[in-house]
C-alpha atoms as a PDB file:
ATOM      1  CA  UNK A   1       2.509 -15.720  -8.216  1.00  0.00           C
ATOM      2  CA  UNK A   2       1.876 -13.614  -5.302  1.00  0.00           C
ATOM      3  CA  UNK A   3      -1.027 -11.883  -6.957  1.00  0.00           C
ATOM      4  CA  UNK A   4      -2.566 -15.320  -7.754  1.00  0.00           C
ATOM      5  CA  UNK A   5      -2.133 -16.560  -4.335  1.00  0.00           C
ATOM      6  CA  UNK A   6      -3.808 -13.384  -2.874  1.00  0.00           C
ATOM      7  CA  UNK A   7      -6.629 -13.761  -5.241  1.00  0.00           C
ATOM      8  CA  UNK A   8      -6.938 -17.449  -4.335  1.00  0.00           C
ATOM      9  CA  UNK A   9      -7.036 -16.523  -0.712  1.00  0.00           C
ATOM     10  CA  UNK A  10      -9.947 -14.240  -1.214  1.00  0.00           C
ATOM     11  CA  UNK A  11     -11.978 -16.750  -3.357  1.00  0.00           C
ATOM     12  CA  UNK A  12     -11.484 -19.478  -0.614  1.00  0.00           C
ATOM     13  CA  UNK A  13     -12.362 -16.914   2.101  1.00  0.00           C
ATOM     14  CA  UNK A  14     -15.605 -15.902   0.535  1.00  0.00           C
ATOM     15  CA  UNK A  15     -16.782 -19.378  -0.749  1.00  0.00           C
ATOM     16  CA  UNK A  16     -15.619 -21.454   2.199  1.00  0.00           C
ATOM     17  CA  UNK A  17     -14.552 -19.707   5.438  1.00  0.00           C
ATOM     18  CA  UNK A  18     -14.079 -22.934   7.258  1.00  0.00           C
ATOM     19  CA  UNK A  19     -11.495 -24.046   4.528  1.00  0.00           C
ATOM     20  CA  UNK A  20      -9.860 -20.699   4.507  1.00  0.00           C
ATOM     21  CA  UNK A  21      -9.229 -20.954   8.195  1.00  0.00           C
ATOM     22  CA  UNK A  22      -7.858 -24.357   7.842  1.00  0.00           C
ATOM     23  CA  UNK A  23      -5.440 -23.394   5.064  1.00  0.00           C
ATOM     24  CA  UNK A  24      -4.378 -19.816   5.978  1.00  0.00           C
ATOM     25  CA  UNK A  25      -4.981 -19.491   9.737  1.00  0.00           C
ATOM     26  CA  UNK A  26      -1.907 -18.334  11.965  1.00  0.00           C
ATOM     27  CA  UNK A  27       1.568 -19.122  10.699  1.00  0.00           C
ATOM     28  CA  UNK A  28       0.212 -21.032   7.739  1.00  0.00           C
ATOM     29  CA  UNK A  29       0.274 -18.049   5.535  1.00  0.00           C
ATOM     30  CA  UNK A  30       4.155 -17.939   5.866  1.00  0.00           C
ATOM     31  CA  UNK A  31       4.222 -21.502   4.331  1.00  0.00           C
ATOM     32  CA  UNK A  32       2.125 -20.228   1.369  1.00  0.00           C
ATOM     33  CA  UNK A  33       4.604 -17.376   0.889  1.00  0.00           C
ATOM     34  CA  UNK A  34       7.479 -19.737   0.561  1.00  0.00           C
ATOM     35  CA  UNK A  35       5.978 -20.631  -2.902  1.00  0.00           C
ATOM     36  CA  UNK A  36       6.489 -17.351  -4.542  1.00  0.00           C
ATOM     37  CA  UNK A  37       9.850 -17.112  -2.695  1.00  0.00           C
ATOM     38  CA  UNK A  38      11.124 -20.262  -3.913  1.00  0.00           C
ATOM     39  CA  UNK A  39       9.799 -19.555  -7.470  1.00  0.00           C
ATOM     40  CA  UNK A  40      11.682 -16.217  -7.531  1.00  0.00           C
ATOM     41  CA  UNK A  41      14.985 -18.052  -6.448  1.00  0.00           C
ATOM     42  CA  UNK A  42      14.449 -20.652  -9.083  1.00  0.00           C
ATOM     43  CA  UNK A  43      13.994 -18.041 -11.834  1.00  0.00           C
ATOM     44  CA  UNK A  44      16.780 -15.954 -10.586  1.00  0.00           C
ATOM     45  CA  UNK A  45      19.317 -18.778 -10.792  1.00  0.00           C
ATOM     46  CA  UNK A  46      18.263 -20.977 -13.560  1.00  0.00           C
ATOM     47  CA  UNK A  47      16.660 -18.675 -16.058  1.00  0.00           C
ATOM     48  CA  UNK A  48      18.017 -15.960 -18.548  1.00  0.00           C
ATOM     49  CA  UNK A  49      17.685 -12.601 -17.035  1.00  0.00           C
ATOM     50  CA  UNK A  50      15.346  -9.684 -18.504  1.00  0.00           C
ATOM     51  CA  UNK A  51      17.603  -6.824 -19.292  1.00  0.00           C
ATOM     52  CA  UNK A  52      16.362  -3.139 -19.269  1.00  0.00           C
ATOM     53  CA  UNK A  53      16.637  -1.247 -22.533  1.00  0.00           C
ATOM     54  CA  UNK A  54      16.905   2.564 -22.098  1.00  0.00           C
ATOM     55  CA  UNK A  55      15.887   3.118 -25.746  1.00  0.00           C
ATOM     56  CA  UNK A  56      12.647   1.332 -25.425  1.00  0.00           C
ATOM     57  CA  UNK A  57      12.291   2.141 -21.734  1.00  0.00           C
ATOM     58  CA  UNK A  58      11.256  -1.337 -20.972  1.00  0.00           C
ATOM     59  CA  UNK A  59      12.712  -4.805 -20.347  1.00  0.00           C
ATOM     60  CA  UNK A  60      13.732  -7.399 -23.135  1.00  0.00           C
ATOM     61  CA  UNK A  61      15.230 -10.872 -23.247  1.00  0.00           C
ATOM     62  CA  UNK A  62      17.652  -9.701 -25.824  1.00  0.00           C
ATOM     63  CA  UNK A  63      20.217  -7.163 -24.407  1.00  0.00           C
ATOM     64  CA  UNK A  64      21.115  -6.129 -27.957  1.00  0.00           C
ATOM     65  CA  UNK A  65      17.446  -5.528 -29.169  1.00  0.00           C
ATOM     66  CA  UNK A  66      18.077  -1.763 -29.885  1.00  0.00           C
ATOM     67  CA  UNK A  67      21.582  -2.311 -31.082  1.00  0.00           C
ATOM     68  CA  UNK A  68      22.936  -2.486 -34.780  1.00  0.00           C
ATOM     69  CA  UNK A  69      24.451  -6.070 -34.286  1.00  0.00           C
ATOM     70  CA  UNK A  70      22.531  -9.012 -33.226  1.00  0.00           C
ATOM     71  CA  UNK A  71      24.203 -12.095 -32.181  1.00  0.00           C
ATOM     72  CA  UNK A  72      23.049 -15.568 -33.027  1.00  0.00           C
ATOM     73  CA  UNK A  73      22.107 -16.617 -29.493  1.00  0.00           C
ATOM     74  CA  UNK A  74      18.950 -17.524 -27.819  1.00  0.00           C
ATOM     75  CA  UNK A  75      18.139 -15.021 -25.013  1.00  0.00           C
ATOM     76  CA  UNK A  76      14.561 -16.146 -24.746  1.00  0.00           C
ATOM     77  CA  UNK A  77      13.046 -16.825 -21.278  1.00  0.00           C
ATOM     78  CA  UNK A  78      10.183 -19.266 -21.871  1.00  0.00           C
ATOM     79  CA  UNK A  79       9.449 -19.467 -17.959  1.00  0.00           C
ATOM     80  CA  UNK A  80       8.569 -15.682 -18.114  1.00  0.00           C
ATOM     81  CA  UNK A  81       6.313 -16.059 -20.989  1.00  0.00           C
ATOM     82  CA  UNK A  82       4.459 -19.127 -19.627  1.00  0.00           C
ATOM     83  CA  UNK A  83       4.224 -17.263 -16.178  1.00  0.00           C
ATOM     84  CA  UNK A  84       2.634 -14.108 -17.829  1.00  0.00           C
ATOM     85  CA  UNK A  85       0.069 -16.074 -19.934  1.00  0.00           C
ATOM     86  CA  UNK A  86      -0.670 -18.197 -16.878  1.00  0.00           C
ATOM     87  CA  UNK A  87      -1.395 -15.035 -14.722  1.00  0.00           C
ATOM     88  CA  UNK A  88      -3.664 -13.507 -17.381  1.00  0.00           C
ATOM     89  CA  UNK A  89      -5.981 -16.540 -17.349  1.00  0.00           C
ATOM     90  CA  UNK A  90      -5.690 -17.528 -13.860  1.00  0.00           C
ATOM     91  CA  UNK A  91      -6.202 -13.998 -12.333  1.00  0.00           C
ATOM     92  CA  UNK A  92      -9.122 -13.216 -14.617  1.00  0.00           C
ATOM     93  CA  UNK A  93     -10.754 -16.593 -13.666  1.00  0.00           C
ATOM     94  CA  UNK A  94     -10.242 -15.965  -9.905  1.00  0.00           C
ATOM     95  CA  UNK A  95     -11.564 -12.331  -9.891  1.00  0.00           C
ATOM     96  CA  UNK A  96     -14.660 -13.573 -11.857  1.00  0.00           C
ATOM     97  CA  UNK A  97     -15.295 -16.246  -9.398  1.00  0.00           C
ATOM     98  CA  UNK A  98     -14.791 -13.658  -6.599  1.00  0.00           C
ATOM     99  CA  UNK A  99     -17.255 -11.250  -8.069  1.00  0.00           C
ATOM    100  CA  UNK A 100     -19.723 -14.024  -8.535  1.00  0.00           C
ATOM    101  CA  UNK A 101     -19.551 -15.079  -4.843  1.00  0.00           C
ATOM    102  CA  UNK A 102     -19.816 -11.518  -3.612  1.00  0.00           C
ATOM    103  CA  UNK A 103     -23.173 -10.991  -5.848  1.00  0.00           C
ATOM    104  CA  UNK A 104     -24.262 -14.354  -4.486  1.00  0.00           C
ATOM    105  CA  UNK A 105     -23.826 -13.378  -0.868  1.00  0.00           C
ATOM    106  CA  UNK A 106     -25.067  -9.838  -1.124  1.00  0.00           C
ATOM    107  CA  UNK A 107     -28.237 -10.917  -2.884  1.00  0.00           C
ATOM    108  CA  UNK A 108     -30.666  -8.455  -4.412  1.00  0.00           C
ATOM    109  CA  UNK A 109     -30.478  -5.867  -1.671  1.00  0.00           C
ATOM    110  CA  UNK A 110     -30.695  -2.355  -3.033  1.00  0.00           C
ATOM    111  CA  UNK A 111     -28.183  -1.010  -0.395  1.00  0.00           C
ATOM    112  CA  UNK A 112     -25.498  -3.197  -1.689  1.00  0.00           C
ATOM    113  CA  UNK A 113     -25.657  -2.171  -5.462  1.00  0.00           C
ATOM    114  CA  UNK A 114     -23.295   0.756  -4.938  1.00  0.00           C
ATOM    115  CA  UNK A 115     -20.805  -1.551  -3.022  1.00  0.00           C
ATOM    116  CA  UNK A 116     -20.934  -4.018  -6.001  1.00  0.00           C
ATOM    117  CA  UNK A 117     -20.365  -1.385  -8.384  1.00  0.00           C
ATOM    118  CA  UNK A 118     -17.267  -0.176  -6.467  1.00  0.00           C
ATOM    119  CA  UNK A 119     -15.899  -3.681  -6.029  1.00  0.00           C
ATOM    120  CA  UNK A 120     -16.310  -4.255  -9.855  1.00  0.00           C
ATOM    121  CA  UNK A 121     -14.507  -1.109 -10.775  1.00  0.00           C
ATOM    122  CA  UNK A 122     -11.615  -1.812  -8.370  1.00  0.00           C
ATOM    123  CA  UNK A 123     -11.275  -5.534  -9.796  1.00  0.00           C
ATOM    124  CA  UNK A 124     -11.441  -4.404 -13.360  1.00  0.00           C
ATOM    125  CA  UNK A 125      -8.798  -1.580 -12.924  1.00  0.00           C
ATOM    126  CA  UNK A 126      -6.223  -3.818 -10.910  1.00  0.00           C
ATOM    127  CA  UNK A 127      -6.846  -6.751 -13.164  1.00  0.00           C
ATOM    128  CA  UNK A 128      -6.563  -4.717 -16.349  1.00  0.00           C
ATOM    129  CA  UNK A 129      -3.216  -3.115 -15.358  1.00  0.00           C
ATOM    130  CA  UNK A 130      -1.959  -6.660 -14.545  1.00  0.00           C
ATOM    131  CA  UNK A 131      -3.350  -8.191 -17.819  1.00  0.00           C
ATOM    132  CA  UNK A 132      -1.901  -5.348 -19.927  1.00  0.00           C
ATOM    133  CA  UNK A 133       1.461  -5.377 -18.530  1.00  0.00           C
ATOM    134  CA  UNK A 134       1.715  -9.217 -18.790  1.00  0.00           C
ATOM    135  CA  UNK A 135       0.456  -9.496 -22.384  1.00  0.00           C
ATOM    136  CA  UNK A 136       2.692  -6.616 -23.673  1.00  0.00           C
ATOM    137  CA  UNK A 137       5.834  -7.927 -22.080  1.00  0.00           C
ATOM    138  CA  UNK A 138       5.194 -11.243 -23.600  1.00  0.00           C
ATOM    139  CA  UNK A 139       4.310 -10.092 -27.041  1.00  0.00           C
ATOM    140  CA  UNK A 140       7.127  -7.457 -27.483  1.00  0.00           C
ATOM    141  CA  UNK A 141       9.794 -10.120 -26.734  1.00  0.00           C
ATOM    142  CA  UNK A 142       8.719 -12.197 -29.675  1.00  0.00           C
ATOM    143  CA  UNK A 143       7.140  -9.820 -32.127  1.00  0.00           C
ATOM    144  CA  UNK A 144       7.483  -6.209 -33.006  1.00  0.00           C
ATOM    145  CA  UNK A 145       5.512  -3.456 -31.136  1.00  0.00           C
ATOM    146  CA  UNK A 146       5.864   0.173 -31.630  1.00  0.00           C
ATOM    147  CA  UNK A 147       7.873   2.058 -29.040  1.00  0.00           C
ATOM    148  CA  UNK A 148       4.789   3.857 -27.439  1.00  0.00           C
ATOM    149  CA  UNK A 149       3.019   0.616 -26.975  1.00  0.00           C
ATOM    150  CA  UNK A 150       6.045  -0.930 -25.092  1.00  0.00           C
ATOM    151  CA  UNK A 151       6.081   2.252 -22.986  1.00  0.00           C
ATOM    152  CA  UNK A 152       2.343   1.886 -22.111  1.00  0.00           C
ATOM    153  CA  UNK A 153       3.278  -1.809 -21.066  1.00  0.00           C
ATOM    154  CA  UNK A 154       6.027  -0.489 -18.799  1.00  0.00           C
ATOM    155  CA  UNK A 155       3.626   2.137 -17.220  1.00  0.00           C
ATOM    156  CA  UNK A 156       1.032  -0.546 -16.583  1.00  0.00           C
ATOM    157  CA  UNK A 157       3.753  -2.648 -14.934  1.00  0.00           C
ATOM    158  CA  UNK A 158       4.685   0.365 -12.669  1.00  0.00           C
ATOM    159  CA  UNK A 159       1.176   1.225 -11.936  1.00  0.00           C
ATOM    160  CA  UNK A 160       0.328  -2.460 -11.024  1.00  0.00           C
ATOM    161  CA  UNK A 161       3.028  -2.207  -8.339  1.00  0.00           C
ATOM    162  CA  UNK A 162       1.702   0.881  -6.534  1.00  0.00           C
ATOM    163  CA  UNK A 163      -1.773   1.781  -7.786  1.00  0.00           C
ATOM    164  CA  UNK A 164      -3.853  -0.710  -5.728  1.00  0.00           C
ATOM    165  CA  UNK A 165      -3.403   1.197  -2.424  1.00  0.00           C
ATOM    166  CA  UNK A 166      -4.755   4.469  -4.253  1.00  0.00           C
ATOM    167  CA  UNK A 167      -7.577   2.557  -6.020  1.00  0.00           C
ATOM    168  CA  UNK A 168      -8.773   1.226  -2.668  1.00  0.00           C
ATOM    169  CA  UNK A 169      -8.653   4.594  -1.022  1.00  0.00           C
ATOM    170  CA  UNK A 170     -10.409   6.441  -3.725  1.00  0.00           C
ATOM    171  CA  UNK A 171     -13.166   3.862  -4.304  1.00  0.00           C
ATOM    172  CA  UNK A 172     -13.561   2.303  -0.816  1.00  0.00           C
ATOM    173  CA  UNK A 173     -15.309   4.584   1.564  1.00  0.00           C
ATOM    174  CA  UNK A 174     -14.916   2.363   4.493  1.00  0.00           C
ATOM    175  CA  UNK A 175     -11.201   2.002   3.995  1.00  0.00           C
ATOM    176  CA  UNK A 176     -10.842   5.725   3.255  1.00  0.00           C
ATOM    177  CA  UNK A 177     -12.686   6.585   6.570  1.00  0.00           C
ATOM    178  CA  UNK A 178     -10.688   3.978   8.656  1.00  0.00           C
ATOM    179  CA  UNK A 179      -7.387   5.358   7.243  1.00  0.00           C
ATOM    180  CA  UNK A 180      -8.313   8.882   7.966  1.00  0.00           C
ATOM    181  CA  UNK A 181      -9.297   7.991  11.461  1.00  0.00           C
ATOM    182  CA  UNK A 182      -6.012   6.183  11.974  1.00  0.00           C
ATOM    183  CA  UNK A 183      -3.881   9.058  10.850  1.00  0.00           C
ATOM    184  CA  UNK A 184      -5.831  11.701  12.734  1.00  0.00           C
ATOM    185  CA  UNK A 185      -5.639   9.572  15.946  1.00  0.00           C
ATOM    186  CA  UNK A 186      -1.898   9.124  15.471  1.00  0.00           C
ATOM    187  CA  UNK A 187      -1.484  12.877  14.771  1.00  0.00           C
ATOM    188  CA  UNK A 188      -3.582  13.721  17.896  1.00  0.00           C
ATOM    189  CA  UNK A 189      -1.400  11.405  20.059  1.00  0.00           C
ATOM    190  CA  UNK A 190       1.960  12.936  18.653  1.00  0.00           C
ATOM    191  CA  UNK A 191       0.510  16.317  19.219  1.00  0.00           C
ATOM    192  CA  UNK A 192      -0.638  15.656  22.787  1.00  0.00           C
ATOM    193  CA  UNK A 193       2.665  14.055  23.529  1.00  0.00           C
ATOM    194  CA  UNK A 194       4.670  17.045  22.150  1.00  0.00           C
ATOM    195  CA  UNK A 195       2.451  19.458  24.354  1.00  0.00           C
ATOM    196  CA  UNK A 196       2.973  17.483  27.460  1.00  0.00           C
ATOM    197  CA  UNK A 197       6.705  17.333  26.794  1.00  0.00           C
ATOM    198  CA  UNK A 198       6.953  21.041  26.205  1.00  0.00           C
ATOM    199  CA  UNK A 199       4.979  21.749  29.417  1.00  0.00           C
ATOM    200  CA  UNK A 200       7.246  19.480  31.357  1.00  0.00           C
ATOM    201  CA  UNK A 201      10.186  21.330  30.005  1.00  0.00           C
ATOM    202  CA  UNK A 202       8.817  24.658  30.859  1.00  0.00           C
ATOM    203  CA  UNK A 203       8.151  23.562  34.508  1.00  0.00           C
ATOM    204  CA  UNK A 204      11.802  22.177  34.679  1.00  0.00           C
ATOM    205  CA  UNK A 205      13.068  25.569  33.380  1.00  0.00           C
ATOM    206  CA  UNK A 206      10.959  27.467  35.937  1.00  0.00           C
ATOM    207  CA  UNK A 207      12.441  25.484  38.781  1.00  0.00           C
ATOM    208  CA  UNK A 208      16.004  25.579  37.362  1.00  0.00           C
ATOM    209  CA  UNK A 209      16.175  29.404  36.782  1.00  0.00           C
ATOM    210  CA  UNK A 210      14.127  30.323  39.787  1.00  0.00           C
ATOM    211  CA  UNK A 211      11.094  31.515  37.922  1.00  0.00           C
ATOM    212  CA  UNK A 212       8.754  30.941  41.022  1.00  0.00           C
ATOM    213  CA  UNK A 213       6.757  33.937  42.223  1.00  0.00           C
ATOM    214  CA  UNK A 214       4.638  34.137  45.279  1.00  0.00           C
ATOM    215  CA  UNK A 215       1.315  35.840  45.813  1.00  0.00           C
ATOM    216  CA  UNK A 216       2.811  38.922  47.476  1.00  0.00           C
ATOM    217  CA  UNK A 217       4.601  39.526  43.816  1.00  0.00           C
ATOM    218  CA  UNK A 218       1.361  39.040  42.148  1.00  0.00           C
ATOM    219  CA  UNK A 219      -0.615  41.284  44.392  1.00  0.00           C
ATOM    220  CA  UNK A 220      -2.962  43.797  42.878  1.00  0.00           C
ATOM    221  CA  UNK A 221      -1.665  47.339  42.687  1.00  0.00           C
ATOM    222  CA  UNK A 222      -3.881  50.184  44.016  1.00  0.00           C
ATOM    223  CA  UNK A 223      -4.181  53.895  43.141  1.00  0.00           C
ATOM    224  CA  UNK A 224      -1.319  54.584  45.377  1.00  0.00           C
ATOM    225  CA  UNK A 225       0.858  52.029  43.837  1.00  0.00           C
ATOM    226  CA  UNK A 226       1.122  49.763  47.024  1.00  0.00           C
ATOM    227  CA  UNK A 227       0.833  46.268  46.705  1.00  0.00           C
ATOM    228  CA  UNK A 228      -1.649  44.187  48.541  1.00  0.00           C
ATOM    229  CA  UNK A 229      -0.180  41.472  50.695  1.00  0.00           C
ATOM    230  CA  UNK A 230      -1.597  37.989  51.029  1.00  0.00           C
ATOM    231  CA  UNK A 231      -0.978  36.000  53.934  1.00  0.00           C
ATOM    232  CA  UNK A 232       0.092  33.129  53.875  1.00  0.00           C
ATOM    233  CA  UNK A 233       1.948  33.537  50.410  1.00  0.00           C
ATOM    234  CA  UNK A 234       0.912  31.094  47.746  1.00  0.00           C
ATOM    235  CA  UNK A 235       3.355  29.902  45.110  1.00  0.00           C
ATOM    236  CA  UNK A 236       2.517  30.051  41.425  1.00  0.00           C
ATOM    237  CA  UNK A 237       4.614  28.498  38.601  1.00  0.00           C
ATOM    238  CA  UNK A 238       5.158  30.408  35.316  1.00  0.00           C
ATOM    239  CA  UNK A 239       4.001  27.828  32.708  1.00  0.00           C
END
């Protein structure tokens, strides 16, 4: 549901900016997030759990799916099946609507062709991972699937949870540049703070252990080995 709400937010933002401001501005976003939170609690307390099976490396309704004994008990979770099927259709429709609006806003400018292509690739990859995971998880809980296909569904589910950030960084040049600038700026601040702290510690150590020399100690040495005296003495710190 969170993915569907995020796509809905983007669709409204691109099509009706004024409506988006009315619906999501300020603390209103937190109220929208109550929907998936309440939905999660309802599923957690009132539906059958989905159990992980190490033999198939995936999640099933039936906890004895890979065992020799099957009990005459209905372990199905219809809410999970309805949720996954609904996500497939709603998310595809929202992303198609979003692509349509982006094409409409950008017009026929040749400079935006590359950006359109990148956006389509990003949308297709993320949407394909979600659709693949949702479809496989519904089908394999009601019909037989070979083990390798169930593993693909699990990998798609895992990739869907962490891949969007990497997809954006690889395909979005502006986001990649902004992220690089953010990290380099923070690294520069940390390095500068470390340098200043080190210099401050050295100064404190110089005063503490008497590492203070005067100009008469730094005087140049001539051929006779005598030191040239400077008057008045000038204090130097060993940094």
